């Protein structure tokens, strides 16, 4: 089952996203509306991580089911099991879908390479290469290596938008002033790190850029 219950009062982005979604979601909603004009005054229904649902994270077909998506192409043909564990998932009144990845300090950006077995790794590599080709990225950087978490989230955006015509958005939340994690104190600190990632991967601007939103949330405003 693609559902993982989480404890409250943890550290870093896990705790930060729980507080944001359950008690201060207006801060996130306002930021999304300012970046996505078609949202206007629409409400956004945040489906995870909810206190009443044990702050569960969703992945695989369970994240598809939670969002109520009808796919023309099954996720299993694009990605193996135990795929992206989404930090938060939401959906607007008009059906816009929000996939959220959250970070509280810069070292979180650097993730381990894919540890998938041979068969799963082949499917992952094929899907990552297909995503790169669609985005017209011609470098030889291995997307299943350094910054793998960033690339697999981007691949899922491609899968939903291009394969299935789902109005999906990839929202990267960067928390500021998480003092317990000694995280960045300004947007600029985060933006410098983000630029390094994009430059390394060659994803500065591409066909899906307009569906990727960077949101900066100050923990001093929500704690």
C-alpha atoms as a PDB file:
ATOM      1  CA  UNK A   1       0.000   0.000   0.000  1.00  0.00           C
ATOM      2  CA  UNK A   2       1.314   3.430  -0.965  1.00  0.00           C
ATOM      3  CA  UNK A   3       0.473   5.144   2.308  1.00  0.00           C
ATOM      4  CA  UNK A   4       2.966   5.906   5.061  1.00  0.00           C
ATOM      5  CA  UNK A   5       1.794   7.297   8.388  1.00  0.00           C
ATOM      6  CA  UNK A   6       4.015   9.944   9.967  1.00  0.00           C
ATOM      7  CA  UNK A   7       4.440  11.070  13.558  1.00  0.00           C
ATOM      8  CA  UNK A   8       3.852  14.736  14.451  1.00  0.00           C
ATOM      9  CA  UNK A   9       6.480  16.985  16.013  1.00  0.00           C
ATOM     10  CA  UNK A  10       9.354  15.655  13.959  1.00  0.00           C
ATOM     11  CA  UNK A  11      12.212  17.704  12.593  1.00  0.00           C
ATOM     12  CA  UNK A  12      12.797  19.736   9.478  1.00  0.00           C
ATOM     13  CA  UNK A  13      10.545  19.753   6.454  1.00  0.00           C
ATOM     14  CA  UNK A  14       8.466  16.827   7.761  1.00  0.00           C
ATOM     15  CA  UNK A  15       7.287  18.895  10.725  1.00  0.00           C
ATOM     16  CA  UNK A  16       7.168  22.154   8.794  1.00  0.00           C
ATOM     17  CA  UNK A  17       4.845  20.838   6.082  1.00  0.00           C
ATOM     18  CA  UNK A  18       2.516  19.332   8.699  1.00  0.00           C
ATOM     19  CA  UNK A  19       2.187  22.687  10.438  1.00  0.00           C
ATOM     20  CA  UNK A  20       1.747  24.552   7.154  1.00  0.00           C
ATOM     21  CA  UNK A  21      -0.942  22.311   5.673  1.00  0.00           C
ATOM     22  CA  UNK A  22      -2.962  21.765   8.844  1.00  0.00           C
ATOM     23  CA  UNK A  23      -2.804  25.188  10.472  1.00  0.00           C
ATOM     24  CA  UNK A  24      -1.508  27.795   8.010  1.00  0.00           C
ATOM     25  CA  UNK A  25      -2.533  26.596   4.551  1.00  0.00           C
ATOM     26  CA  UNK A  26      -3.716  30.121   3.666  1.00  0.00           C
ATOM     27  CA  UNK A  27      -0.046  31.160   3.355  1.00  0.00           C
ATOM     28  CA  UNK A  28       0.541  28.478   0.752  1.00  0.00           C
ATOM     29  CA  UNK A  29      -2.758  29.104  -1.016  1.00  0.00           C
ATOM     30  CA  UNK A  30      -2.073  32.834  -1.329  1.00  0.00           C
ATOM     31  CA  UNK A  31       1.358  32.135  -2.786  1.00  0.00           C
ATOM     32  CA  UNK A  32      -0.065  29.695  -5.329  1.00  0.00           C
ATOM     33  CA  UNK A  33      -2.790  32.134  -6.362  1.00  0.00           C
ATOM     34  CA  UNK A  34      -0.195  34.857  -6.906  1.00  0.00           C
ATOM     35  CA  UNK A  35       1.754  32.513  -9.197  1.00  0.00           C
ATOM     36  CA  UNK A  36      -1.197  30.874 -10.967  1.00  0.00           C
ATOM     37  CA  UNK A  37      -3.737  33.476 -12.152  1.00  0.00           C
ATOM     38  CA  UNK A  38      -6.334  30.883 -13.176  1.00  0.00           C
ATOM     39  CA  UNK A  39      -6.810  29.956  -9.505  1.00  0.00           C
ATOM     40  CA  UNK A  40      -8.206  33.425  -8.750  1.00  0.00           C
ATOM     41  CA  UNK A  41     -10.332  33.103  -5.618  1.00  0.00           C
ATOM     42  CA  UNK A  42     -10.705  29.348  -5.762  1.00  0.00           C
ATOM     43  CA  UNK A  43     -10.268  27.250  -2.672  1.00  0.00           C
ATOM     44  CA  UNK A  44      -7.654  24.504  -2.540  1.00  0.00           C
ATOM     45  CA  UNK A  45      -8.445  21.265  -0.764  1.00  0.00           C
ATOM     46  CA  UNK A  46      -5.313  19.872   0.850  1.00  0.00           C
ATOM     47  CA  UNK A  47      -5.582  16.097   1.071  1.00  0.00           C
ATOM     48  CA  UNK A  48      -2.280  15.292   2.773  1.00  0.00           C
ATOM     49  CA  UNK A  49      -0.554  15.349   5.198  1.00  0.00           C
ATOM     50  CA  UNK A  50      -3.609  15.724   7.444  1.00  0.00           C
ATOM     51  CA  UNK A  51      -3.691  15.358  11.222  1.00  0.00           C
ATOM     52  CA  UNK A  52      -6.914  13.320  11.006  1.00  0.00           C
ATOM     53  CA  UNK A  53      -5.121  10.933   8.627  1.00  0.00           C
ATOM     54  CA  UNK A  54      -2.039  10.423  10.842  1.00  0.00           C
ATOM     55  CA  UNK A  55      -0.130  12.931   8.688  1.00  0.00           C
ATOM     56  CA  UNK A  56       0.174  10.211   6.041  1.00  0.00           C
ATOM     57  CA  UNK A  57       2.308  10.548   2.930  1.00  0.00           C
ATOM     58  CA  UNK A  58       0.966   9.007  -0.262  1.00  0.00           C
ATOM     59  CA  UNK A  59       2.794   7.364  -3.159  1.00  0.00           C
ATOM     60  CA  UNK A  60       2.262   4.980  -6.089  1.00  0.00           C
ATOM     61  CA  UNK A  61      -1.388   4.424  -7.086  1.00  0.00           C
ATOM     62  CA  UNK A  62      -2.566   5.643  -3.691  1.00  0.00           C
ATOM     63  CA  UNK A  63      -1.528   9.213  -4.477  1.00  0.00           C
ATOM     64  CA  UNK A  64      -3.397   8.938  -7.786  1.00  0.00           C
ATOM     65  CA  UNK A  65      -6.493   7.624  -5.992  1.00  0.00           C
ATOM     66  CA  UNK A  66      -6.318  10.253  -3.245  1.00  0.00           C
ATOM     67  CA  UNK A  67      -6.391  12.982  -5.894  1.00  0.00           C
ATOM     68  CA  UNK A  68      -9.255  11.265  -7.732  1.00  0.00           C
ATOM     69  CA  UNK A  69      -7.406  11.134 -11.044  1.00  0.00           C
ATOM     70  CA  UNK A  70      -8.570   9.085 -14.011  1.00  0.00           C
ATOM     71  CA  UNK A  71      -5.459   8.121 -15.952  1.00  0.00           C
ATOM     72  CA  UNK A  72      -5.453   6.990 -19.557  1.00  0.00           C
ATOM     73  CA  UNK A  73      -1.966   5.549 -18.992  1.00  0.00           C
ATOM     74  CA  UNK A  74      -1.350   3.645 -15.730  1.00  0.00           C
ATOM     75  CA  UNK A  75       1.447   4.872 -13.496  1.00  0.00           C
ATOM     76  CA  UNK A  76       2.918   1.344 -13.397  1.00  0.00           C
ATOM     77  CA  UNK A  77       3.891   1.612 -17.077  1.00  0.00           C
ATOM     78  CA  UNK A  78       6.001   4.676 -16.322  1.00  0.00           C
ATOM     79  CA  UNK A  79       7.344   4.130 -12.818  1.00  0.00           C
ATOM     80  CA  UNK A  80       7.889   1.107 -10.539  1.00  0.00           C
ATOM     81  CA  UNK A  81       6.421   0.668  -7.077  1.00  0.00           C
ATOM     82  CA  UNK A  82       7.726   2.628  -4.086  1.00  0.00           C
ATOM     83  CA  UNK A  83       8.021   5.756  -6.174  1.00  0.00           C
ATOM     84  CA  UNK A  84       7.729   9.390  -5.103  1.00  0.00           C
ATOM     85  CA  UNK A  85       6.468   9.905  -1.559  1.00  0.00           C
ATOM     86  CA  UNK A  86       4.713  13.263  -1.821  1.00  0.00           C
ATOM     87  CA  UNK A  87       5.124  15.672   1.089  1.00  0.00           C
ATOM     88  CA  UNK A  88       1.703  17.181   0.374  1.00  0.00           C
ATOM     89  CA  UNK A  89      -1.086  16.753  -2.169  1.00  0.00           C
ATOM     90  CA  UNK A  90      -3.889  19.133  -3.026  1.00  0.00           C
ATOM     91  CA  UNK A  91      -6.571  19.881  -5.582  1.00  0.00           C
ATOM     92  CA  UNK A  92      -8.421  23.075  -6.478  1.00  0.00           C
ATOM     93  CA  UNK A  93     -12.111  23.552  -7.224  1.00  0.00           C
ATOM     94  CA  UNK A  94     -11.478  23.517 -10.976  1.00  0.00           C
ATOM     95  CA  UNK A  95      -9.342  20.376 -10.814  1.00  0.00           C
ATOM     96  CA  UNK A  96      -5.824  21.783 -10.685  1.00  0.00           C
ATOM     97  CA  UNK A  97      -3.583  19.209  -8.998  1.00  0.00           C
ATOM     98  CA  UNK A  98      -0.697  20.125  -6.687  1.00  0.00           C
ATOM     99  CA  UNK A  99       2.224  17.805  -5.981  1.00  0.00           C
ATOM    100  CA  UNK A 100       4.419  19.182  -3.207  1.00  0.00           C
ATOM    101  CA  UNK A 101       8.042  18.582  -2.307  1.00  0.00           C
ATOM    102  CA  UNK A 102       9.300  20.440   0.774  1.00  0.00           C
ATOM    103  CA  UNK A 103      12.772  21.342   2.011  1.00  0.00           C
ATOM    104  CA  UNK A 104      13.889  22.961   5.286  1.00  0.00           C
ATOM    105  CA  UNK A 105      17.661  23.143   4.806  1.00  0.00           C
ATOM    106  CA  UNK A 106      20.029  23.062   1.857  1.00  0.00           C
ATOM    107  CA  UNK A 107      21.549  19.570   2.407  1.00  0.00           C
ATOM    108  CA  UNK A 108      18.065  18.122   1.779  1.00  0.00           C
ATOM    109  CA  UNK A 109      18.452  19.072  -1.888  1.00  0.00           C
ATOM    110  CA  UNK A 110      21.208  16.504  -2.343  1.00  0.00           C
ATOM    111  CA  UNK A 111      19.597  13.050  -2.365  1.00  0.00           C
ATOM    112  CA  UNK A 112      20.887   9.534  -2.811  1.00  0.00           C
ATOM    113  CA  UNK A 113      20.907   7.970  -6.283  1.00  0.00           C
ATOM    114  CA  UNK A 114      18.204   5.509  -7.196  1.00  0.00           C
ATOM    115  CA  UNK A 115      18.584   2.252  -5.296  1.00  0.00           C
ATOM    116  CA  UNK A 116      16.099   0.349  -7.446  1.00  0.00           C
ATOM    117  CA  UNK A 117      16.697  -3.230  -8.581  1.00  0.00           C
ATOM    118  CA  UNK A 118      17.642  -4.074 -12.156  1.00  0.00           C
ATOM    119  CA  UNK A 119      14.148  -4.290 -13.654  1.00  0.00           C
ATOM    120  CA  UNK A 120      12.827  -1.239 -11.813  1.00  0.00           C
ATOM    121  CA  UNK A 121      15.983   0.743 -12.578  1.00  0.00           C
ATOM    122  CA  UNK A 122      15.535   0.087 -16.303  1.00  0.00           C
ATOM    123  CA  UNK A 123      11.996   1.485 -16.215  1.00  0.00           C
ATOM    124  CA  UNK A 124      13.158   4.502 -14.195  1.00  0.00           C
ATOM    125  CA  UNK A 125      16.053   5.222 -16.555  1.00  0.00           C
ATOM    126  CA  UNK A 126      13.814   4.920 -19.614  1.00  0.00           C
ATOM    127  CA  UNK A 127      11.260   7.327 -18.132  1.00  0.00           C
ATOM    128  CA  UNK A 128      13.919   9.813 -17.056  1.00  0.00           C
ATOM    129  CA  UNK A 129      15.503   9.727 -20.520  1.00  0.00           C
ATOM    130  CA  UNK A 130      12.096  10.196 -22.119  1.00  0.00           C
ATOM    131  CA  UNK A 131      11.457  13.195 -19.872  1.00  0.00           C
ATOM    132  CA  UNK A 132      14.830  14.693 -20.814  1.00  0.00           C
ATOM    133  CA  UNK A 133      14.109  14.187 -24.502  1.00  0.00           C
ATOM    134  CA  UNK A 134      10.707  15.872 -24.200  1.00  0.00           C
ATOM    135  CA  UNK A 135      12.341  18.821 -22.452  1.00  0.00           C
ATOM    136  CA  UNK A 136      15.039  18.918 -25.153  1.00  0.00           C
ATOM    137  CA  UNK A 137      17.846  18.501 -22.609  1.00  0.00           C
ATOM    138  CA  UNK A 138      20.832  17.048 -24.416  1.00  0.00           C
ATOM    139  CA  UNK A 139      23.452  16.750 -21.674  1.00  0.00           C
ATOM    140  CA  UNK A 140      24.767  13.383 -20.485  1.00  0.00           C
ATOM    141  CA  UNK A 141      24.064  13.925 -16.781  1.00  0.00           C
ATOM    142  CA  UNK A 142      22.650  10.796 -15.146  1.00  0.00           C
ATOM    143  CA  UNK A 143      19.275  11.834 -13.761  1.00  0.00           C
ATOM    144  CA  UNK A 144      19.140   8.777 -11.514  1.00  0.00           C
ATOM    145  CA  UNK A 145      22.253   9.975  -9.679  1.00  0.00           C
ATOM    146  CA  UNK A 146      22.859  13.306  -7.943  1.00  0.00           C
ATOM    147  CA  UNK A 147      19.639  15.270  -7.338  1.00  0.00           C
ATOM    148  CA  UNK A 148      17.560  12.182  -8.174  1.00  0.00           C
ATOM    149  CA  UNK A 149      14.666  13.389  -6.033  1.00  0.00           C
ATOM    150  CA  UNK A 150      14.407  16.562  -8.104  1.00  0.00           C
ATOM    151  CA  UNK A 151      14.434  14.658 -11.409  1.00  0.00           C
ATOM    152  CA  UNK A 152      11.945  11.980 -10.427  1.00  0.00           C
ATOM    153  CA  UNK A 153       9.460  14.630  -9.307  1.00  0.00           C
ATOM    154  CA  UNK A 154       9.918  16.400 -12.631  1.00  0.00           C
ATOM    155  CA  UNK A 155       9.355  13.097 -14.441  1.00  0.00           C
ATOM    156  CA  UNK A 156       6.054  12.607 -12.601  1.00  0.00           C
ATOM    157  CA  UNK A 157       4.941  16.082 -13.646  1.00  0.00           C
ATOM    158  CA  UNK A 158       5.725  15.068 -17.244  1.00  0.00           C
ATOM    159  CA  UNK A 159       3.782  11.817 -16.798  1.00  0.00           C
ATOM    160  CA  UNK A 160       0.658  13.569 -15.527  1.00  0.00           C
ATOM    161  CA  UNK A 161       0.765  16.542 -17.897  1.00  0.00           C
ATOM    162  CA  UNK A 162       1.867  14.862 -21.126  1.00  0.00           C
ATOM    163  CA  UNK A 163       0.770  11.227 -20.826  1.00  0.00           C
ATOM    164  CA  UNK A 164      -2.540  11.891 -19.102  1.00  0.00           C
ATOM    165  CA  UNK A 165      -3.449  15.529 -19.761  1.00  0.00           C
ATOM    166  CA  UNK A 166      -3.859  16.179 -16.024  1.00  0.00           C
ATOM    167  CA  UNK A 167      -3.520  19.864 -15.012  1.00  0.00           C
ATOM    168  CA  UNK A 168      -0.765  19.119 -12.517  1.00  0.00           C
ATOM    169  CA  UNK A 169       1.643  21.526 -10.843  1.00  0.00           C
ATOM    170  CA  UNK A 170       4.902  20.668  -9.104  1.00  0.00           C
ATOM    171  CA  UNK A 171       5.270  22.879  -6.036  1.00  0.00           C
ATOM    172  CA  UNK A 172       8.670  23.072  -4.370  1.00  0.00           C
ATOM    173  CA  UNK A 173       8.337  24.594  -0.906  1.00  0.00           C
ATOM    174  CA  UNK A 174      11.489  26.026   0.637  1.00  0.00           C
ATOM    175  CA  UNK A 175      11.129  26.860   4.322  1.00  0.00           C
ATOM    176  CA  UNK A 176      12.995  29.843   5.719  1.00  0.00           C
ATOM    177  CA  UNK A 177      14.160  30.261   9.306  1.00  0.00           C
ATOM    178  CA  UNK A 178      13.849  26.663  10.415  1.00  0.00           C
ATOM    179  CA  UNK A 179      16.296  27.305  13.211  1.00  0.00           C
ATOM    180  CA  UNK A 180      16.320  23.748  14.498  1.00  0.00           C
ATOM    181  CA  UNK A 181      17.709  22.629  11.134  1.00  0.00           C
ATOM    182  CA  UNK A 182      19.871  25.749  10.719  1.00  0.00           C
ATOM    183  CA  UNK A 183      18.123  26.390   7.436  1.00  0.00           C
ATOM    184  CA  UNK A 184      18.401  29.449   5.181  1.00  0.00           C
ATOM    185  CA  UNK A 185      17.243  32.756   6.620  1.00  0.00           C
ATOM    186  CA  UNK A 186      16.437  34.378   3.255  1.00  0.00           C
ATOM    187  CA  UNK A 187      14.921  33.555  -0.131  1.00  0.00           C
ATOM    188  CA  UNK A 188      18.250  34.459  -1.705  1.00  0.00           C
ATOM    189  CA  UNK A 189      20.114  31.702   0.128  1.00  0.00           C
ATOM    190  CA  UNK A 190      17.688  29.148  -1.231  1.00  0.00           C
ATOM    191  CA  UNK A 191      17.713  30.617  -4.714  1.00  0.00           C
ATOM    192  CA  UNK A 192      21.491  30.260  -4.918  1.00  0.00           C
ATOM    193  CA  UNK A 193      21.264  26.554  -4.086  1.00  0.00           C
ATOM    194  CA  UNK A 194      18.359  26.018  -6.456  1.00  0.00           C
ATOM    195  CA  UNK A 195      20.293  27.619  -9.286  1.00  0.00           C
ATOM    196  CA  UNK A 196      23.171  25.188  -8.729  1.00  0.00           C
ATOM    197  CA  UNK A 197      20.786  22.235  -9.054  1.00  0.00           C
ATOM    198  CA  UNK A 198      19.167  23.583 -12.212  1.00  0.00           C
ATOM    199  CA  UNK A 199      22.499  24.409 -13.819  1.00  0.00           C
ATOM    200  CA  UNK A 200      23.900  20.950 -13.077  1.00  0.00           C
ATOM    201  CA  UNK A 201      20.853  19.176 -14.498  1.00  0.00           C
ATOM    202  CA  UNK A 202      20.404  21.594 -17.399  1.00  0.00           C
ATOM    203  CA  UNK A 203      16.840  22.475 -16.452  1.00  0.00           C
ATOM    204  CA  UNK A 204      17.040  26.250 -16.267  1.00  0.00           C
ATOM    205  CA  UNK A 205      14.054  26.758 -18.579  1.00  0.00           C
ATOM    206  CA  UNK A 206      12.048  24.113 -20.388  1.00  0.00           C
ATOM    207  CA  UNK A 207       8.567  23.105 -21.599  1.00  0.00           C
ATOM    208  CA  UNK A 208       7.301  22.316 -18.104  1.00  0.00           C
ATOM    209  CA  UNK A 209       8.864  25.271 -16.282  1.00  0.00           C
ATOM    210  CA  UNK A 210       5.576  27.168 -16.192  1.00  0.00           C
ATOM    211  CA  UNK A 211       4.026  24.303 -14.236  1.00  0.00           C
ATOM    212  CA  UNK A 212       6.712  24.344 -11.554  1.00  0.00           C
ATOM    213  CA  UNK A 213       6.300  26.783  -8.673  1.00  0.00           C
ATOM    214  CA  UNK A 214       8.905  27.659  -6.052  1.00  0.00           C
ATOM    215  CA  UNK A 215       7.315  28.828  -2.805  1.00  0.00           C
ATOM    216  CA  UNK A 216       9.221  30.319   0.132  1.00  0.00           C
ATOM    217  CA  UNK A 217       7.544  30.005   3.543  1.00  0.00           C
ATOM    218  CA  UNK A 218       8.941  31.747   6.613  1.00  0.00           C
ATOM    219  CA  UNK A 219       8.619  29.535   9.680  1.00  0.00           C
ATOM    220  CA  UNK A 220       8.691  32.625  11.896  1.00  0.00           C
ATOM    221  CA  UNK A 221       5.277  33.499  10.455  1.00  0.00           C
ATOM    222  CA  UNK A 222       3.646  30.165  11.233  1.00  0.00           C
ATOM    223  CA  UNK A 223       5.123  29.009  14.567  1.00  0.00           C
END
